[in-house]
Amino acid sequence: MLRRALAGCLMLAAAGLATVAAPAAHADFKAPYARAAAIIDADGSLNESKNVVRSWRAGTGRYCVQLAHHIDAREALIQLTPRHMLRLPYIAYRHPSATCRDDNTITVNVYSTHTSRLADSGFDLLVS
């Protein structure tokens, strides 16, 4: 029971973040105050970006986002916004990780709020 309540709360929080943050990301993607930003599709492809070299899907619900060499991911504040209401992305590793072995790469895992298992979904990434 507690697990379902927690999952419901997380889903509502994620939906609220998507509602608040998503229009701002698309309205001005130049992101003048961000060091890096990206829109990642569910297949891992890089839709739009600023100071992001590339992104890829490493497995079901596992994504890698490689930042430009002059952006340090280890000390950065990173915000993730789900592109699907029933998915919850989180930063699994900054660098290094067993999933993403390239330099200056962020590993993002996305979980389904219904099954609590890894699931494919797109997300927005902002590095401050």
N, C-alpha and C. Protein backbone atom coordinates (compact mmCIF):
# COMPACT_ATOMS: atom_id res chain seq x y z
N MET A 1 0.82 -1.18 0.00
CA MET A 1 0.00 0.00 0.00
C MET A 1 0.87 1.25 0.00
N LEU A 2 1.88 1.27 0.85
CA LEU A 2 2.78 2.41 0.93
C LEU A 2 3.53 2.59 -0.39
N ARG A 3 3.90 1.47 -1.01
CA ARG A 3 4.62 1.53 -2.28
C ARG A 3 3.77 2.18 -3.37
N ARG A 4 2.48 1.84 -3.42
CA ARG A 4 1.57 2.45 -4.40
C ARG A 4 1.38 3.93 -4.13
N ALA A 5 1.26 4.29 -2.88
CA ALA A 5 1.09 5.70 -2.52
C ALA A 5 2.33 6.49 -2.91
N LEU A 6 3.51 5.94 -2.64
CA LEU A 6 4.75 6.60 -3.01
C LEU A 6 4.86 6.73 -4.52
N ALA A 7 4.52 5.69 -5.25
CA ALA A 7 4.56 5.74 -6.71
C ALA A 7 3.59 6.79 -7.24
N GLY A 8 2.42 6.88 -6.63
CA GLY A 8 1.45 7.90 -7.04
C GLY A 8 1.95 9.30 -6.79
N CYS A 9 2.59 9.51 -5.66
CA CYS A 9 3.16 10.83 -5.34
C CYS A 9 4.27 11.19 -6.31
N LEU A 10 5.13 10.22 -6.62
CA LEU A 10 6.20 10.47 -7.58
C LEU A 10 5.65 10.80 -8.95
N MET A 11 4.58 10.10 -9.34
CA MET A 11 3.98 10.35 -10.64
C MET A 11 3.40 11.77 -10.69
N LEU A 12 2.73 12.19 -9.64
CA LEU A 12 2.18 13.54 -9.60
C LEU A 12 3.28 14.59 -9.61
N ALA A 13 4.36 14.34 -8.89
CA ALA A 13 5.48 15.28 -8.89
C ALA A 13 6.10 15.38 -10.27
N ALA A 14 6.28 14.24 -10.93
CA ALA A 14 6.86 14.23 -12.27
C ALA A 14 5.94 14.93 -13.26
N ALA A 15 4.65 14.71 -13.14
CA ALA A 15 3.70 15.37 -14.03
C ALA A 15 3.73 16.88 -13.81
N GLY A 16 3.85 17.29 -12.56
CA GLY A 16 3.93 18.71 -12.27
C GLY A 16 5.18 19.35 -12.84
N LEU A 17 6.32 18.64 -12.73
CA LEU A 17 7.55 19.15 -13.31
C LEU A 17 7.44 19.25 -14.82
N ALA A 18 6.85 18.24 -15.44
CA ALA A 18 6.70 18.26 -16.89
C ALA A 18 5.81 19.41 -17.32
N THR A 19 4.76 19.68 -16.57
CA THR A 19 3.85 20.76 -16.92
C THR A 19 4.51 22.11 -16.77
N VAL A 20 5.30 22.28 -15.73
CA VAL A 20 5.93 23.57 -15.47
C VAL A 20 7.16 23.79 -16.33
N ALA A 21 8.02 22.78 -16.46
CA ALA A 21 9.32 22.98 -17.10
C ALA A 21 9.32 22.77 -18.61
N ALA A 22 8.46 21.92 -19.13
CA ALA A 22 8.53 21.59 -20.55
C ALA A 22 8.27 22.78 -21.46
N PRO A 23 7.24 23.62 -21.24
CA PRO A 23 7.04 24.74 -22.15
C PRO A 23 8.22 25.71 -22.17
N ALA A 24 8.87 25.94 -21.04
CA ALA A 24 10.00 26.85 -21.00
C ALA A 24 11.17 26.31 -21.81
N ALA A 25 11.39 25.00 -21.78
CA ALA A 25 12.50 24.42 -22.52
C ALA A 25 12.30 24.57 -24.01
N HIS A 26 11.07 24.45 -24.49
CA HIS A 26 10.81 24.58 -25.92
C HIS A 26 10.70 26.02 -26.37
N ALA A 27 10.26 26.91 -25.49
CA ALA A 27 10.07 28.30 -25.87
C ALA A 27 11.40 28.98 -26.17
N ASP A 28 12.46 28.69 -25.42
CA ASP A 28 13.75 29.31 -25.63
C ASP A 28 14.82 28.26 -25.41
N PHE A 29 15.08 27.44 -26.42
CA PHE A 29 16.02 26.34 -26.21
C PHE A 29 17.46 26.81 -26.17
N LYS A 30 17.72 28.03 -26.53
CA LYS A 30 19.09 28.53 -26.45
C LYS A 30 19.60 28.45 -25.02
N ALA A 31 18.71 28.47 -24.05
CA ALA A 31 19.03 28.30 -22.63
C ALA A 31 20.23 29.16 -22.23
N PRO A 32 20.07 30.47 -22.23
CA PRO A 32 21.22 31.36 -21.99
C PRO A 32 21.86 31.20 -20.62
N TYR A 33 21.14 30.70 -19.62
CA TYR A 33 21.69 30.57 -18.28
C TYR A 33 22.12 29.14 -17.95
N ALA A 34 21.97 28.24 -18.89
CA ALA A 34 22.37 26.84 -18.68
C ALA A 34 23.73 26.60 -19.31
N ARG A 35 24.53 25.75 -18.65
CA ARG A 35 25.80 25.37 -19.26
C ARG A 35 25.58 24.34 -20.36
N ALA A 36 24.58 23.47 -20.18
CA ALA A 36 24.25 22.47 -21.19
C ALA A 36 22.78 22.11 -21.05
N ALA A 37 22.17 21.70 -22.16
CA ALA A 37 20.76 21.30 -22.17
C ALA A 37 20.54 20.35 -23.33
N ALA A 38 19.55 19.47 -23.18
CA ALA A 38 19.26 18.51 -24.25
C ALA A 38 17.84 17.99 -24.13
N ILE A 39 17.27 17.67 -25.28
CA ILE A 39 16.02 16.94 -25.36
C ILE A 39 16.37 15.58 -25.94
N ILE A 40 16.17 14.53 -25.14
CA ILE A 40 16.52 13.17 -25.53
C ILE A 40 15.25 12.40 -25.84
N ASP A 41 15.20 11.76 -27.00
CA ASP A 41 14.04 10.95 -27.39
C ASP A 41 14.12 9.57 -26.75
N ALA A 42 13.01 8.83 -26.79
CA ALA A 42 12.93 7.51 -26.16
C ALA A 42 13.92 6.51 -26.78
N ASP A 43 14.29 6.69 -28.04
CA ASP A 43 15.26 5.79 -28.67
C ASP A 43 16.71 6.20 -28.39
N GLY A 44 16.88 7.26 -27.58
CA GLY A 44 18.21 7.71 -27.20
C GLY A 44 18.80 8.77 -28.11
N SER A 45 18.10 9.08 -29.18
CA SER A 45 18.64 10.09 -30.10
C SER A 45 18.53 11.49 -29.50
N LEU A 46 19.44 12.33 -29.93
CA LEU A 46 19.51 13.71 -29.45
C LEU A 46 18.62 14.56 -30.33
N ASN A 47 17.54 15.08 -29.77
CA ASN A 47 16.57 15.88 -30.51
C ASN A 47 17.10 17.30 -30.71
N GLU A 48 17.38 17.99 -29.62
CA GLU A 48 17.99 19.32 -29.64
C GLU A 48 18.99 19.38 -28.51
N SER A 49 19.99 20.27 -28.64
CA SER A 49 20.97 20.32 -27.56
C SER A 49 21.75 21.62 -27.55
N LYS A 50 22.37 21.86 -26.41
CA LYS A 50 23.35 22.93 -26.22
C LYS A 50 24.49 22.33 -25.40
N ASN A 51 25.69 22.35 -25.94
CA ASN A 51 26.89 21.80 -25.29
C ASN A 51 26.76 20.32 -24.95
N VAL A 52 26.04 19.58 -25.77
CA VAL A 52 25.95 18.13 -25.63
C VAL A 52 26.50 17.52 -26.92
N VAL A 53 27.48 16.64 -26.78
CA VAL A 53 28.15 16.04 -27.93
C VAL A 53 27.26 15.00 -28.59
N ARG A 54 26.73 14.07 -27.77
CA ARG A 54 25.87 13.01 -28.31
C ARG A 54 25.12 12.34 -27.18
N SER A 55 24.14 11.53 -27.56
CA SER A 55 23.39 10.73 -26.59
C SER A 55 23.04 9.41 -27.26
N TRP A 56 22.83 8.39 -26.42
CA TRP A 56 22.45 7.09 -26.96
C TRP A 56 21.73 6.27 -25.90
N ARG A 57 20.98 5.30 -26.37
CA ARG A 57 20.27 4.36 -25.50
C ARG A 57 21.18 3.17 -25.28
N ALA A 58 21.56 2.91 -24.03
CA ALA A 58 22.48 1.83 -23.72
C ALA A 58 21.76 0.52 -23.42
N GLY A 59 20.47 0.57 -23.22
CA GLY A 59 19.66 -0.60 -22.90
C GLY A 59 18.28 -0.12 -22.50
N THR A 60 17.40 -1.02 -22.19
CA THR A 60 16.04 -0.64 -21.81
C THR A 60 16.08 0.31 -20.61
N GLY A 61 15.62 1.53 -20.81
CA GLY A 61 15.57 2.52 -19.74
C GLY A 61 16.90 3.09 -19.32
N ARG A 62 17.97 2.79 -20.03
CA ARG A 62 19.31 3.30 -19.69
C ARG A 62 19.82 4.18 -20.83
N TYR A 63 20.20 5.40 -20.49
CA TYR A 63 20.64 6.37 -21.49
C TYR A 63 21.97 6.99 -21.09
N CYS A 64 22.74 7.38 -22.08
CA CYS A 64 24.02 8.05 -21.87
C CYS A 64 23.97 9.39 -22.59
N VAL A 65 24.42 10.43 -21.90
CA VAL A 65 24.46 11.78 -22.47
C VAL A 65 25.87 12.31 -22.27
N GLN A 66 26.58 12.53 -23.37
CA GLN A 66 27.95 13.02 -23.29
C GLN A 66 27.97 14.53 -23.47
N LEU A 67 28.50 15.23 -22.48
CA LEU A 67 28.59 16.68 -22.51
C LEU A 67 29.86 17.13 -23.23
N ALA A 68 29.88 18.37 -23.68
CA ALA A 68 31.06 18.94 -24.31
C ALA A 68 32.23 18.90 -23.33
N HIS A 69 33.45 18.88 -23.84
CA HIS A 69 34.63 18.71 -23.00
C HIS A 69 34.82 19.81 -21.96
N HIS A 70 34.31 21.01 -22.21
CA HIS A 70 34.50 22.12 -21.27
C HIS A 70 33.43 22.19 -20.18
N ILE A 71 32.46 21.28 -20.19
CA ILE A 71 31.43 21.21 -19.15
C ILE A 71 31.79 20.06 -18.21
N ASP A 72 31.93 20.36 -16.91
CA ASP A 72 32.29 19.33 -15.94
C ASP A 72 31.02 18.78 -15.29
N ALA A 73 30.68 17.54 -15.60
CA ALA A 73 29.45 16.93 -15.09
C ALA A 73 29.55 16.56 -13.61
N ARG A 74 30.76 16.38 -13.11
CA ARG A 74 30.93 15.93 -11.72
C ARG A 74 30.48 16.97 -10.70
N GLU A 75 30.62 18.24 -11.00
CA GLU A 75 30.29 19.30 -10.05
C GLU A 75 29.01 20.05 -10.43
N ALA A 76 28.32 19.62 -11.45
CA ALA A 76 27.18 20.36 -11.98
C ALA A 76 25.87 20.02 -11.26
N LEU A 77 24.96 20.96 -11.30
CA LEU A 77 23.59 20.72 -10.85
C LEU A 77 22.82 20.27 -12.09
N ILE A 78 22.21 19.09 -12.02
CA ILE A 78 21.54 18.51 -13.19
C ILE A 78 20.06 18.33 -12.88
N GLN A 79 19.22 18.80 -13.78
CA GLN A 79 17.76 18.66 -13.63
C GLN A 79 17.24 17.82 -14.79
N LEU A 80 16.41 16.84 -14.46
CA LEU A 80 15.77 15.98 -15.46
C LEU A 80 14.27 16.18 -15.42
N THR A 81 13.67 16.25 -16.58
CA THR A 81 12.22 16.37 -16.69
C THR A 81 11.71 15.26 -17.60
N PRO A 82 10.77 14.44 -17.12
CA PRO A 82 10.26 13.35 -17.97
C PRO A 82 9.45 13.89 -19.13
N ARG A 83 9.49 13.20 -20.26
CA ARG A 83 8.68 13.56 -21.43
C ARG A 83 7.41 12.73 -21.46
N HIS A 84 7.27 11.79 -20.54
CA HIS A 84 6.11 10.93 -20.44
C HIS A 84 5.68 10.92 -18.98
N MET A 85 4.40 11.12 -18.72
CA MET A 85 3.92 11.26 -17.35
C MET A 85 4.17 10.04 -16.46
N LEU A 86 4.20 8.87 -17.01
CA LEU A 86 4.32 7.66 -16.20
C LEU A 86 5.75 7.14 -16.09
N ARG A 87 6.71 7.98 -16.41
CA ARG A 87 8.12 7.61 -16.32
C ARG A 87 8.84 8.58 -15.40
N LEU A 88 9.86 8.08 -14.70
CA LEU A 88 10.62 8.90 -13.77
C LEU A 88 12.11 8.72 -14.03
N PRO A 89 12.77 9.72 -14.67
CA PRO A 89 14.21 9.62 -14.91
C PRO A 89 15.01 10.07 -13.69
N TYR A 90 16.17 9.47 -13.49
CA TYR A 90 17.07 9.95 -12.45
C TYR A 90 18.51 9.70 -12.88
N ILE A 91 19.42 10.44 -12.28
CA ILE A 91 20.83 10.33 -12.61
C ILE A 91 21.39 9.12 -11.88
N ALA A 92 21.83 8.15 -12.65
CA ALA A 92 22.39 6.95 -12.05
C ALA A 92 23.87 7.18 -11.71
N TYR A 93 24.62 7.75 -12.64
CA TYR A 93 26.03 8.04 -12.46
C TYR A 93 26.38 9.29 -13.24
N ARG A 94 27.33 10.03 -12.74
CA ARG A 94 27.82 11.17 -13.51
C ARG A 94 28.96 10.70 -14.41
N HIS A 95 30.06 10.30 -13.85
CA HIS A 95 31.17 9.73 -14.61
C HIS A 95 32.19 9.23 -13.61
N PRO A 96 32.78 8.14 -13.76
CA PRO A 96 32.55 7.11 -14.77
C PRO A 96 31.46 6.13 -14.32
N SER A 97 30.95 5.36 -15.25
CA SER A 97 29.98 4.32 -14.92
C SER A 97 30.22 3.13 -15.83
N ALA A 98 29.71 1.98 -15.42
CA ALA A 98 29.86 0.77 -16.22
C ALA A 98 28.99 0.84 -17.48
N THR A 99 27.93 1.63 -17.44
CA THR A 99 27.03 1.75 -18.59
C THR A 99 27.61 2.67 -19.65
N CYS A 100 28.07 3.83 -19.23
CA CYS A 100 28.59 4.85 -20.17
C CYS A 100 30.06 5.08 -19.84
N ARG A 101 30.92 4.54 -20.64
CA ARG A 101 32.35 4.60 -20.34
C ARG A 101 33.05 5.79 -20.95
N ASP A 102 32.39 6.58 -21.79
CA ASP A 102 33.02 7.74 -22.41
C ASP A 102 33.24 8.85 -21.39
N ASP A 103 34.20 9.71 -21.67
CA ASP A 103 34.51 10.82 -20.78
C ASP A 103 33.36 11.82 -20.70
N ASN A 104 33.19 12.40 -19.51
CA ASN A 104 32.22 13.47 -19.27
C ASN A 104 30.80 13.07 -19.68
N THR A 105 30.40 11.88 -19.28
CA THR A 105 29.10 11.34 -19.66
C THR A 105 28.23 11.13 -18.43
N ILE A 106 26.96 11.47 -18.57
CA ILE A 106 25.97 11.28 -17.52
C ILE A 106 25.14 10.05 -17.87
N THR A 107 24.97 9.15 -16.92
CA THR A 107 24.11 7.98 -17.11
C THR A 107 22.76 8.27 -16.48
N VAL A 108 21.70 8.14 -17.27
CA VAL A 108 20.34 8.39 -16.79
C VAL A 108 19.54 7.10 -16.90
N ASN A 109 18.91 6.71 -15.81
CA ASN A 109 18.00 5.57 -15.81
C ASN A 109 16.57 6.09 -15.71
N VAL A 110 15.67 5.48 -16.48
CA VAL A 110 14.26 5.87 -16.47
C VAL A 110 13.44 4.68 -16.00
N TYR A 111 12.60 4.92 -14.99
CA TYR A 111 11.77 3.87 -14.42
C TYR A 111 10.29 4.15 -14.67
N SER A 112 9.53 3.09 -14.86
CA SER A 112 8.08 3.18 -14.95
C SER A 112 7.53 3.33 -13.53
N THR A 113 6.58 4.24 -13.35
CA THR A 113 5.99 4.42 -12.02
C THR A 113 4.98 3.32 -11.71
N HIS A 114 4.54 2.57 -12.72
CA HIS A 114 3.60 1.47 -12.49
C HIS A 114 4.30 0.18 -12.10
N THR A 115 5.37 -0.15 -12.82
CA THR A 115 6.04 -1.43 -12.60
C THR A 115 7.31 -1.31 -11.76
N SER A 116 7.81 -0.12 -11.57
CA SER A 116 9.07 0.13 -10.87
C SER A 116 10.25 -0.56 -11.54
N ARG A 117 10.14 -0.76 -12.85
CA ARG A 117 11.22 -1.36 -13.63
C ARG A 117 11.70 -0.36 -14.67
N LEU A 118 12.89 -0.60 -15.20
CA LEU A 118 13.42 0.26 -16.25
C LEU A 118 12.48 0.25 -17.45
N ALA A 119 12.26 1.43 -18.03
CA ALA A 119 11.36 1.56 -19.18
C ALA A 119 11.87 2.69 -20.07
N ASP A 120 11.72 2.53 -21.37
CA ASP A 120 12.16 3.55 -22.32
C ASP A 120 11.24 4.76 -22.26
N SER A 121 11.84 5.94 -22.30
CA SER A 121 11.10 7.19 -22.33
C SER A 121 12.07 8.33 -22.58
N GLY A 122 11.59 9.34 -23.25
CA GLY A 122 12.41 10.52 -23.47
C GLY A 122 12.42 11.41 -22.23
N PHE A 123 13.37 12.35 -22.21
CA PHE A 123 13.48 13.27 -21.08
C PHE A 123 14.23 14.52 -21.52
N ASP A 124 14.08 15.58 -20.75
CA ASP A 124 14.83 16.81 -20.94
C ASP A 124 15.90 16.86 -19.88
N LEU A 125 17.08 17.35 -20.25
CA LEU A 125 18.20 17.45 -19.34
C LEU A 125 18.70 18.89 -19.32
N LEU A 126 18.95 19.42 -18.14
CA LEU A 126 19.47 20.77 -17.98
C LEU A 126 20.64 20.73 -17.01
N VAL A 127 21.76 21.29 -17.40
CA VAL A 127 22.96 21.33 -16.56
C VAL A 127 23.25 22.78 -16.22
N SER A 128 23.27 23.09 -14.93
CA SER A 128 23.53 24.46 -14.47
C SER A 128 24.91 24.55 -13.86
